[in-house]
Amino acid sequence: MDFLTLFLIYLCFVLTTFALLCICSGRKESFLVRSVNGASQVLSFVIPTQLQGVTQRALHRLFHTRSCLFVVLHIALQAAVYGEYTWEVFVYCWELQFHILLLLLPYLLLAGNMGCFILCSRANPGIITKSNHASLVKIYAYDGVLFQKGIVCPTCNMEKPARSKHCSFCNMCVQRFDHHCVWVNNCIGAFNAKHFFLYLFTLTAMAATIAIITAAFLIQVVLLSNMMHGSYIDDQGQERAVEILFLVQHLFLTFPRIVFMLGFVILLTLVLGAYCCFNLYLALTNQTSNEWYKSRRYGSSHHLTSQPHDRRDVYKNIYSKGVWKNLKEIFKPPTVLERKKK
């Protein structure tokens, strides 16, 4: 394998690792975080104290403060995939007379994705300040389970509006907090949720489009070479018909970077597609990732109140107003005036 192939394999490993960390970000009790903490305790017996301190500071810098590292990785991964697509897949497909609009579609999606990325990372997610606190606290009602009236943020020293949360990364409270996305280096809240939704959708479409075009190119190569009707001599000197495994191995040896990129973007499409569907579900039911995660605690247990012991409240999403209105709220967050009219 050449250097570029090894570099792509390394980038795939980095993306998989950080994608898991990204999905679990903001969940202090997640399985991944508990596993890392447990491993750290075991390694603390053999690692020097000074090295432990340096490692802890580095991890705190990466995963508990805002950092541009993931943004750089995000851009590097896109550059690696699009570099391989441009210099090999696009050229080969052009020679095979693929339709030009199909070949240009990934670039159009890239332009849209970069626009959504910039808007999502630069937009105000819904920062709660002393000047807008009085108005934001009136937008959503407290459900009495996940969000209770009178809870004060110890850092911001303000009463938390319903559906808000203090972000430890950005050190601020955010209206309709969803999660902190390290890939855009910003919180996802009421005012940039639409940008994040479009960013995620275009990112999934990019990976799927490149996967389809690359797979179509390799299929075309196989068909033109008539390889499926051929045969080969195995290690024992016997003639065998071409099988799928042999075909994949042959394609990998012939187009190593292209085959690897295909596997990479297929995996990326599946992961992003599942996450995109999950976010669509949240949008249609008017939930945030933070609310969905917190509500799981009440799936098997009831919420105790000051009422008689025979009455117990079960969590219920009081913010859902129907599929169309829920989806509309993502692209047009409600204001105090709109809420008063209802």
Foldseek 3Di string as FASTA:
>chain_A
DDPLLVVLVVLLVVCVVVVVVQVCAPPCPDPVNVVVVVVLVVCVVPDDPVVNVVVVVVCCCQRQAQDCVLQVSVVVNVCSLVVCCVPPLLVLVVVVPDDPCLSCVLVVLVVQLVVLLVCLLPPDQAFDAPVCPVFLLQQDDAPCFPGDFPDADPQRRGTARPLWDQRSHHRTIGANWFGQGNNSRGTHHQPSLVSVLSNLVSVLVSLVSLLVSLVVSLVVVCVVVVQQQAWDQDPVRDIDGDDPVNSLVVVCVVVVNSSVSNVSSVVVNVVSVVVSVVVLVCQQQVHGNVRVVVLVVQPPPFADDPDDPVDTHGDDPPPGDGRVVSNVCSVPPDTSVNVVVD
